[in-house]
Structures are given as C-alpha cells and as structure tokens.
Protein backbone atom coordinates (compact mmCIF):
# COMPACT_ATOMS: atom_id res chain seq x y z
CA MET A 1 -63.07 112.49 60.84
CA LEU A 2 -60.62 112.78 57.89
CA ARG A 3 -60.27 116.33 56.61
CA LEU A 4 -58.87 117.15 53.14
CA ARG A 5 -56.90 120.20 52.28
CA PRO A 6 -58.33 122.45 49.54
CA ASN A 7 -55.77 121.36 46.94
CA GLU A 8 -56.27 117.65 47.78
CA LEU A 9 -60.03 118.08 47.47
CA VAL A 10 -59.68 119.57 43.98
CA LEU A 11 -57.41 116.71 42.87
CA THR A 12 -59.84 114.08 44.17
CA MET A 13 -62.75 115.73 42.33
CA PHE A 14 -60.85 115.79 39.01
CA THR A 15 -59.93 112.08 39.41
CA LEU A 16 -63.57 111.14 40.05
CA ILE A 17 -64.75 113.14 37.00
CA PHE A 18 -62.13 111.43 34.75
CA PHE A 19 -63.15 107.94 35.98
CA LEU A 20 -66.84 108.62 35.30
CA GLN A 21 -66.07 109.93 31.81
CA ALA A 22 -64.01 106.81 30.97
CA CYS A 23 -66.83 104.54 32.08
CA LYS A 24 -69.26 106.53 29.88
CA ASP A 25 -67.04 106.20 26.75
CA LYS A 26 -66.57 102.40 27.11
CA PRO A 27 -68.32 100.48 24.26
CA LYS A 28 -71.53 98.91 25.39
CA ASP A 29 -71.28 96.00 22.82
CA THR A 30 -69.16 93.32 24.53
CA LYS A 31 -70.48 90.44 22.37
CA PRO A 32 -67.54 88.24 21.08
CA LYS A 33 -66.84 88.32 17.37
CA GLN A 34 -67.99 85.28 15.39
CA ALA A 35 -65.19 83.13 13.82
CA GLN A 36 -64.99 83.34 10.00
CA ASN A 37 -65.90 80.28 7.93
CA THR A 38 -63.09 78.40 6.11
CA ILE A 39 -63.03 79.36 2.42
CA VAL A 40 -62.70 76.38 0.07
CA ASP A 41 -62.85 75.43 -3.60
CA VAL A 42 -64.89 72.35 -4.44
CA LEU A 43 -65.53 69.77 -7.12
CA VAL A 44 -68.83 68.06 -7.85
CA ALA A 45 -68.00 64.34 -8.20
CA SER A 46 -69.04 62.74 -11.48
CA PRO A 47 -67.96 59.61 -13.42
CA GLN A 48 -65.09 60.16 -15.86
CA ASN A 49 -63.71 57.99 -18.66
CA ILE A 50 -60.22 56.72 -17.76
CA ALA A 51 -57.85 54.47 -19.66
CA ASN A 52 -57.52 51.21 -17.78
CA SER A 53 -53.73 51.09 -18.10
CA ILE A 54 -51.11 50.21 -15.49
CA GLU A 55 -47.75 51.99 -15.41
CA VAL A 56 -44.92 50.11 -13.67
CA SER A 57 -41.14 50.30 -13.55
CA GLY A 58 -38.91 47.84 -15.38
CA THR A 59 -35.25 46.96 -15.85
CA VAL A 60 -33.52 46.37 -19.19
CA VAL A 61 -31.93 42.92 -19.49
CA ALA A 62 -29.63 41.61 -22.23
CA ASN A 63 -30.93 38.67 -24.26
CA GLU A 64 -27.88 36.69 -23.10
CA PHE A 65 -25.27 37.66 -20.51
CA VAL A 66 -22.23 35.76 -19.22
CA GLN A 67 -19.29 36.62 -16.99
CA LEU A 68 -16.22 35.13 -18.64
CA GLN A 69 -14.19 33.25 -16.03
CA PRO A 70 -11.64 30.44 -16.55
CA GLU A 71 -12.34 26.92 -15.32
CA ALA A 72 -8.68 26.26 -14.40
CA SER A 73 -6.09 28.07 -12.32
CA GLY A 74 -2.79 29.18 -13.80
CA ARG A 75 -0.95 31.94 -15.62
CA LEU A 76 -2.50 33.51 -18.72
CA THR A 77 -0.42 32.70 -21.80
CA TYR A 78 -2.96 34.07 -24.33
CA LEU A 79 -5.52 36.88 -24.03
CA ASN A 80 -7.88 38.16 -26.73
CA VAL A 81 -10.43 40.69 -25.42
CA PRO A 82 -11.44 43.21 -28.14
CA GLU A 83 -13.23 45.58 -25.76
CA GLY A 84 -16.63 46.75 -26.95
CA LYS A 85 -16.40 44.70 -30.16
CA ARG A 86 -18.62 41.96 -31.47
CA ILE A 87 -17.13 38.47 -31.49
CA ALA A 88 -18.43 35.16 -32.81
CA ALA A 89 -19.31 32.11 -30.77
CA GLY A 90 -16.30 29.84 -30.24
CA THR A 91 -13.71 32.63 -30.42
CA VAL A 92 -10.78 31.88 -28.10
CA ILE A 93 -10.62 34.62 -25.48
CA ALA A 94 -7.98 33.35 -23.05
CA ILE A 95 -5.67 30.37 -22.48
CA VAL A 96 -4.24 29.34 -19.13
CA ASN A 97 -0.77 27.71 -19.14
CA ASN A 98 -1.48 24.10 -20.16
CA ALA A 99 1.92 22.75 -21.29
CA ASP A 100 1.83 19.93 -18.72
CA LEU A 101 -1.61 18.78 -19.85
CA GLU A 102 -0.59 18.82 -23.50
CA ALA A 103 2.38 16.62 -22.61
CA GLN A 104 0.12 14.22 -20.74
CA VAL A 105 -2.20 14.00 -23.75
CA GLU A 106 0.70 13.22 -26.10
CA LYS A 107 2.06 10.59 -23.71
CA SER A 108 -1.33 8.89 -23.39
CA LYS A 109 -1.73 8.91 -27.17
CA SER A 110 1.63 7.15 -27.61
CA LEU A 111 0.75 4.49 -25.05
CA TYR A 112 -2.65 4.05 -26.67
CA ASP A 113 -1.12 3.54 -30.11
CA LEU A 114 1.26 0.91 -28.72
CA ALA A 115 -1.55 -0.87 -26.87
CA GLN A 116 -3.71 -0.80 -29.99
CA LYS A 117 -0.99 -2.53 -32.03
CA THR A 118 -0.54 -5.13 -29.28
CA VAL A 119 -4.27 -5.89 -29.31
CA GLU A 120 -4.17 -6.37 -33.09
CA ARG A 121 -1.29 -8.88 -32.83
CA TYR A 122 -2.98 -10.73 -29.95
CA LYS A 123 -6.15 -10.92 -32.00
CA GLN A 124 -4.35 -12.68 -34.82
CA LEU A 125 -2.72 -15.14 -32.38
CA LEU A 126 -6.05 -15.79 -30.69
CA ALA A 127 -7.58 -16.68 -34.05
CA VAL A 128 -5.05 -19.58 -34.47
CA ASN A 129 -5.17 -20.52 -30.78
CA GLY A 130 -1.71 -19.08 -30.26
CA MET A 131 -2.57 -17.41 -26.93
CA ASN A 132 -5.07 -17.47 -24.08
CA GLN A 133 -8.30 -15.49 -24.14
CA SER A 134 -7.43 -13.93 -20.78
CA ASP A 135 -4.20 -12.42 -22.13
CA TYR A 136 -6.08 -10.94 -25.04
CA ASP A 137 -8.73 -9.47 -22.71
CA ALA A 138 -6.03 -7.90 -20.51
CA ALA A 139 -4.46 -6.25 -23.57
CA VAL A 140 -7.83 -4.85 -24.64
CA ASN A 141 -8.41 -3.52 -21.12
CA THR A 142 -5.01 -1.80 -21.12
CA MET A 143 -5.77 -0.18 -24.48
CA ASN A 144 -9.13 1.12 -23.21
CA GLY A 145 -7.43 2.52 -20.09
CA TYR A 146 -5.05 4.60 -22.24
CA LYS A 147 -8.03 5.80 -24.30
CA ALA A 148 -9.75 6.96 -21.09
CA ASP A 149 -6.54 8.78 -20.06
CA ILE A 150 -6.57 10.63 -23.37
CA ASP A 151 -10.19 11.73 -22.82
CA TYR A 152 -9.47 12.76 -19.23
CA TYR A 153 -6.42 14.92 -20.02
CA GLN A 154 -8.18 16.34 -23.08
CA ALA A 155 -11.06 17.47 -20.86
CA LEU A 156 -8.61 19.14 -18.46
CA LEU A 157 -6.91 20.76 -21.44
CA GLU A 158 -10.19 22.20 -22.71
CA LYS A 159 -10.82 23.78 -19.31
CA THR A 160 -7.69 25.89 -19.80
CA ILE A 161 -9.12 27.41 -22.98
CA LEU A 162 -11.85 30.05 -22.54
CA LYS A 163 -14.13 30.55 -25.57
CA ALA A 164 -17.06 32.84 -26.34
CA PRO A 165 -20.26 30.90 -25.63
CA PHE A 166 -22.34 32.85 -28.16
CA ASP A 167 -22.19 35.77 -30.60
CA GLY A 168 -22.15 39.02 -28.64
CA ILE A 169 -20.49 42.25 -27.56
CA ILE A 170 -17.55 41.73 -25.24
CA GLY A 171 -17.10 44.13 -22.34
CA LEU A 172 -14.07 45.71 -20.70
CA ARG A 173 -10.96 43.61 -20.02
CA GLN A 174 -10.37 43.06 -16.30
CA VAL A 175 -6.95 41.29 -16.37
CA SER A 176 -3.68 41.49 -18.26
CA LEU A 177 -1.64 38.90 -20.13
CA GLY A 178 0.59 36.99 -17.72
CA ALA A 179 -1.70 37.40 -14.74
CA TYR A 180 -2.35 34.41 -12.48
CA VAL A 181 -6.04 33.56 -12.60
CA SER A 182 -8.43 31.15 -10.90
CA PRO A 183 -12.06 30.18 -11.52
CA ALA A 184 -13.05 33.19 -9.38
CA THR A 185 -11.23 35.66 -11.66
CA LEU A 186 -13.40 37.80 -13.96
CA ILE A 187 -11.73 38.31 -17.33
CA ALA A 188 -14.58 40.17 -19.09
CA THR A 189 -18.30 40.00 -19.81
CA ILE A 190 -20.15 39.22 -23.01
CA GLN A 191 -23.70 40.26 -23.83
CA GLN A 192 -26.03 39.53 -26.69
CA LEU A 193 -27.93 42.69 -27.60
CA ASP A 194 -29.74 41.57 -30.75
CA LYS A 195 -32.86 41.36 -28.61
CA ILE A 196 -33.55 43.34 -25.45
CA LYS A 197 -35.58 41.98 -22.57
CA VAL A 198 -37.43 44.01 -19.95
CA ASP A 199 -38.21 42.60 -16.50
CA PHE A 200 -40.99 44.30 -14.54
CA THR A 201 -43.25 43.62 -11.58
CA LEU A 202 -46.91 44.34 -11.02
CA PRO A 203 -49.43 43.55 -8.26
CA GLU A 204 -50.80 40.03 -8.07
CA GLN A 205 -54.35 41.33 -8.60
CA TYR A 206 -53.48 41.99 -12.26
CA SER A 207 -52.35 38.42 -12.94
CA SER A 208 -55.44 37.83 -15.08
CA VAL A 209 -54.33 40.42 -17.67
CA ILE A 210 -50.82 38.96 -18.02
CA LYS A 211 -50.71 36.33 -20.74
CA ILE A 212 -47.82 34.82 -22.71
CA GLY A 213 -47.74 36.47 -26.12
CA ALA A 214 -49.59 39.61 -24.98
CA THR A 215 -48.19 43.01 -25.93
CA VAL A 216 -47.10 45.80 -23.58
CA SER A 217 -45.65 49.25 -24.27
CA VAL A 218 -42.17 50.19 -23.08
CA SER A 219 -40.43 53.58 -23.06
CA PHE A 220 -36.83 54.59 -22.29
CA GLU A 221 -35.53 57.97 -21.21
CA GLN A 222 -32.64 57.89 -23.68
CA SER A 223 -35.11 57.52 -26.58
CA GLY A 224 -37.21 60.49 -25.51
CA ASN A 225 -39.83 58.28 -23.83
CA LYS A 226 -40.92 56.97 -27.21
CA LYS A 227 -43.09 53.90 -26.68
CA GLU A 228 -41.98 50.58 -28.15
CA LYS A 229 -43.94 47.35 -28.34
CA ALA A 230 -42.74 44.33 -26.37
CA THR A 231 -44.07 40.77 -26.20
CA ILE A 232 -44.48 38.94 -22.90
CA ILE A 233 -42.46 35.71 -23.03
CA ALA A 234 -42.51 34.48 -19.43
CA VAL A 235 -44.03 35.02 -15.98
CA GLU A 236 -42.35 33.99 -12.74
CA PRO A 237 -44.82 31.49 -11.17
CA GLN A 238 -43.73 32.36 -7.61
CA VAL A 239 -45.26 35.55 -6.17
CA ASN A 240 -42.83 37.69 -4.18
CA GLN A 241 -43.83 37.12 -0.55
CA ASN A 242 -42.68 40.57 0.58
CA SER A 243 -44.33 42.75 -2.07
CA ARG A 244 -46.98 40.30 -3.35
CA ASN A 245 -45.91 41.18 -6.88
CA LEU A 246 -45.46 39.08 -10.01
CA THR A 247 -42.26 39.28 -12.06
CA VAL A 248 -42.84 39.40 -15.81
CA ARG A 249 -40.38 39.31 -18.72
CA ALA A 250 -41.04 40.83 -22.13
CA VAL A 251 -38.80 41.00 -25.20
CA LEU A 252 -38.32 43.86 -27.69
CA GLN A 253 -37.25 43.01 -31.21
CA SER A 254 -35.72 46.28 -32.40
CA ALA A 255 -35.37 48.79 -29.55
CA LYS A 256 -31.90 49.89 -28.45
CA ALA A 257 -31.22 50.26 -24.73
CA ASN A 258 -28.42 49.62 -22.28
CA PRO A 259 -28.82 46.52 -20.07
CA GLY A 260 -29.46 47.50 -16.48
CA GLY A 261 -31.20 50.70 -17.53
CA PHE A 262 -34.59 51.97 -16.32
CA ALA A 263 -37.75 51.48 -18.36
CA LYS A 264 -41.40 52.39 -17.99
CA VAL A 265 -43.84 49.62 -18.85
CA TYR A 266 -47.50 50.23 -19.70
CA VAL A 267 -49.83 47.25 -19.35
CA ASP A 268 -53.33 47.33 -20.81
CA ALA A 269 -55.69 46.11 -18.08
CA GLY A 270 -58.79 45.96 -20.28
CA ALA A 271 -61.36 48.31 -21.79
CA ASP A 272 -61.65 51.92 -20.62
CA VAL A 273 -63.85 52.36 -17.55
CA ARG A 274 -65.97 55.12 -16.02
CA ALA A 275 -64.90 56.05 -12.53
CA ILE A 276 -65.13 58.93 -10.07
CA MET A 277 -61.88 60.88 -10.14
CA ILE A 278 -60.76 63.62 -7.76
CA PRO A 279 -57.53 65.66 -7.54
CA THR A 280 -54.80 63.86 -5.63
CA ASN A 281 -54.30 66.77 -3.22
CA SER A 282 -57.88 66.32 -1.97
CA LEU A 283 -56.84 63.13 -0.16
CA ILE A 284 -56.02 63.26 3.55
CA PRO A 285 -53.70 60.38 4.49
CA ASP A 286 -54.57 58.53 7.69
CA ASP A 287 -52.98 55.68 9.62
CA LYS A 288 -55.32 53.11 8.11
CA ASN A 289 -57.45 54.91 5.51
CA ASN A 290 -57.47 57.82 3.13
CA GLN A 291 -60.08 60.51 3.77
CA VAL A 292 -61.74 63.28 1.80
CA ILE A 293 -63.91 66.17 2.96
CA LEU A 294 -67.46 66.42 1.65
CA ILE A 295 -69.75 69.41 2.17
CA ARG A 296 -73.10 68.39 3.59
CA ASN A 297 -75.54 71.04 4.84
CA GLY A 298 -72.74 73.60 4.66
CA LYS A 299 -70.49 71.72 7.06
CA ALA A 300 -67.35 69.60 6.64
CA ASP A 301 -67.94 65.85 6.68
CA PHE A 302 -64.76 63.71 6.81
CA VAL A 303 -65.34 60.32 5.12
CA ASN A 304 -63.07 57.31 4.56
CA VAL A 305 -62.47 56.35 0.94
CA LYS A 306 -60.81 53.59 -1.07
CA THR A 307 -58.62 54.51 -4.02
CA GLY A 308 -57.89 52.80 -7.34
CA VAL A 309 -55.93 53.92 -10.39
CA ARG A 310 -53.62 56.91 -9.85
CA LEU A 311 -52.83 59.30 -12.68
CA ALA A 312 -50.54 62.33 -12.82
CA ASN A 313 -52.89 64.71 -10.98
CA ASN A 314 -55.98 62.63 -10.19
CA VAL A 315 -56.90 59.47 -8.32
CA GLU A 316 -59.82 57.08 -8.73
CA ILE A 317 -62.23 56.74 -5.77
CA THR A 318 -63.76 53.28 -5.69
CA ASN A 319 -65.70 53.64 -2.44
CA GLY A 320 -66.80 56.50 -0.18
CA VAL A 321 -67.76 59.17 -2.73
CA ASN A 322 -70.88 59.07 -4.93
CA ALA A 323 -71.76 61.00 -8.04
CA GLY A 324 -73.09 64.43 -7.08
CA ASP A 325 -71.15 64.71 -3.81
CA THR A 326 -69.35 68.00 -3.23
CA VAL A 327 -65.66 67.35 -2.58
CA VAL A 328 -63.39 69.93 -0.96
CA VAL A 329 -60.18 70.38 -2.97
CA THR A 330 -58.48 73.52 -1.63
CA GLY A 331 -58.45 74.59 2.00
CA VAL A 332 -58.35 70.96 3.12
CA LEU A 333 -55.75 71.64 5.82
CA PHE A 334 -57.86 74.34 7.49
CA ALA A 335 -61.18 72.50 7.66
CA ARG A 336 -62.30 70.82 10.86
CA PRO A 337 -64.96 68.12 11.29
CA LYS A 338 -68.50 69.61 11.37
CA SER A 339 -67.10 73.12 10.89
CA SER A 340 -68.88 75.56 8.55
CA LEU A 341 -67.36 76.04 5.10
CA GLN A 342 -67.72 78.85 2.61
CA VAL A 343 -67.53 77.79 -1.05
CA ARG A 344 -65.48 80.21 -3.11
CA SER A 345 -65.77 78.42 -6.47
CA VAL A 346 -66.78 75.17 -8.12
CA LYS A 347 -64.20 73.86 -10.60
CA THR A 348 -63.76 70.87 -12.90
CA LEU A 349 -60.96 68.28 -12.85
CA GLU A 350 -59.34 69.96 -15.85
CA GLN A 351 -59.33 73.36 -14.13
CA PHE A 352 -57.75 71.94 -10.98
CA ALA A 353 -55.13 70.14 -13.11
CA GLN A 354 -54.34 73.41 -14.89
CA LEU A 355 -53.95 75.23 -11.56
CA ASN A 356 -51.62 72.48 -10.33
CA ASN A 357 -49.49 72.67 -13.49
CA ASN A 358 -49.25 76.45 -13.24
CA SER A 359 -48.19 76.12 -9.59
CA ASN A 360 -45.46 73.61 -10.49
CA GLY A 361 -44.28 75.84 -13.30
CA ALA A 362 -44.01 78.78 -10.92
CA ASP A 363 -41.83 76.74 -8.62
C-alpha cells in the first residue's frame, strides 16, 4: 500500500480542491454563437424613363487626304512646300529632273513638223496623179508616229511634275531640294479641312436606325465636349466579321477638329423607353451570364439577368428582374446563395448614384 508523507498529503488535497473549484466556475452555456446576417442596402426595381440613345467612339477624318509622292524617279530640281499653308489645286509642288524628256519632246515636235509638211506636198502631188497612193499613206503613217511620240514623251514629262490635286492645307515637308526621290518617297501631305468627316462603328443590331441623311450628335474634347450636328452620308455595306459592327461615316459642315482625333458620337435609337434600371455595381459578372442578388423570404437568391443600355452609373435589365423585386446593391461580395440578409436601408437610383459620385470624389 502506498503511503504519503504529511506534506505530500496536504499538497494533494490543495490540488484536488483547486480542480473542483475550476470545474464549478466553468460556464455551463456551451451553445455555439449564431453567425450574424450580412447587412445590405437594397433597391426596389421599378420601370424608369431612359433616353434611347447610343454612345459610340469615332475618328475624325479629313474631307480629302492625299500623300504627295512623285510618279517618276530622279533628283528634285524644284520644291514648293509652304508648310501648314493653304494652296490651290494645280499648284506645282515639286519637279523631278526632266531635261532629257523635254529634249525628246522638242525632237519629236521637229520631226512631226517636217513629216506634216511632207504629207501636205504629197497630197498636192496625189491630186494630180504625181505619186502613188501607197507613198502618200506611208508619209501619213510616219507623221502620225511622230505625233504619238510627242504624246508619249509629254506624258512622261507630266509625271515629273507634282501638282496639288485639290485646294487644301499642305503638311510638313519631308524632303529637301536636290534629294533623289522615287515613287515611294513621301514629299508632304495635303488635306482638305473645309468639311470634317467622322467614322464610327456600332453594333449590327442598330442597323435599322442608321439611314443616309439622318442626323447624329458629335462632341470633341478640344471643344469642351460641345455637341455638333453631323449628317450620315454613307454606311459600309460589309459587316466586320470580327466585331459584327457596321462602319458609318458622317460629315460636319462647320466644326473644327484635327483629322485622326477622337470623337464621341451619339445616335438616336428611337423614342424614349421605360426600362428597369439598377446600379452597375449590383451586377456580378459570370463566365456566361451576369447575375444579381434578389431578396426573397429574407434570403439571397442569385438570378441570371440580361442587360441592355448602359449609362454612367446604371444599367438596363431586360430579363431576370421584374418590377417590385428587391435588388441587393451594397454588400454583394459578402452574400452567399440562400444565406440570410439584413436590410439596412432602401434607396432609390438617384441616391445610389449620389453615393457613387461622392465616393469617386473622395478618391
């Protein structure tokens, strides 16, 4: 039998008393705490009036644009490029060395004059039967050959002279006098800016609203986004196979813009419509569909939706949300399917837009 010393017995008794006291003080309620509900702000979906307008990007195009390049190779003997200035159609811009062609033209003219006089003499002799018809025909053929030589060398001579094809603003000079040039050499550019064109693309589904003569609105950053009216003059009949977009060209009569610049184009797609709009940040992107969270019986219900017109802060829902549905707008990232939600507040589209603007301003 194990016997304890007096001091060991006292220590064992104190340890037992301490253990019993600790077990007595332990909380009896061991029930796990219940998880808190996700707090969200919501919007009650209702039809809103929206302007049925499409905003697309466009590119400014000059009314006429040409890269000035010579048709013949040779050394520049004349160069007239008043950079940034307006020049008239037909103004001589550059001349390639053409002394040999000028000499050929003068030679052919001399031979033609001599052949012409010979034909006139043969004609008089033929009238009195003083020569054969065949000799006369050969003389006429020789004269016509020299005339063709004149036309040929004159055409080559004209290729050495570069002229402005239309009235316009000439660009920066790219070569110097005395340089050797070829048809691949760029001397300058010329653009006609009396009218400005704007090329833009829009989805094929809006082809029915694009008509020749219809009016669109165009704005440029350099003009403070002031909207100008433009008239549609042409539509590319071939749809882009990659983007499925149509290319449209409109012309402005008075607006000033730099060719190649960016423009915003606003196309009227018909009368204003009533549609269900929700804040853009309510959407949950998915691999195939967009989703929103609706509250049904106090729980989160994830539904697939189809979207339509997008505005600055809102997006149109064409399918998936009905009038009267409660849409979760804030706390979207923390909600889980079928989880309980606690509604903190119900706001309107305008209130959510104001909150979004204030948030952007704070950033």
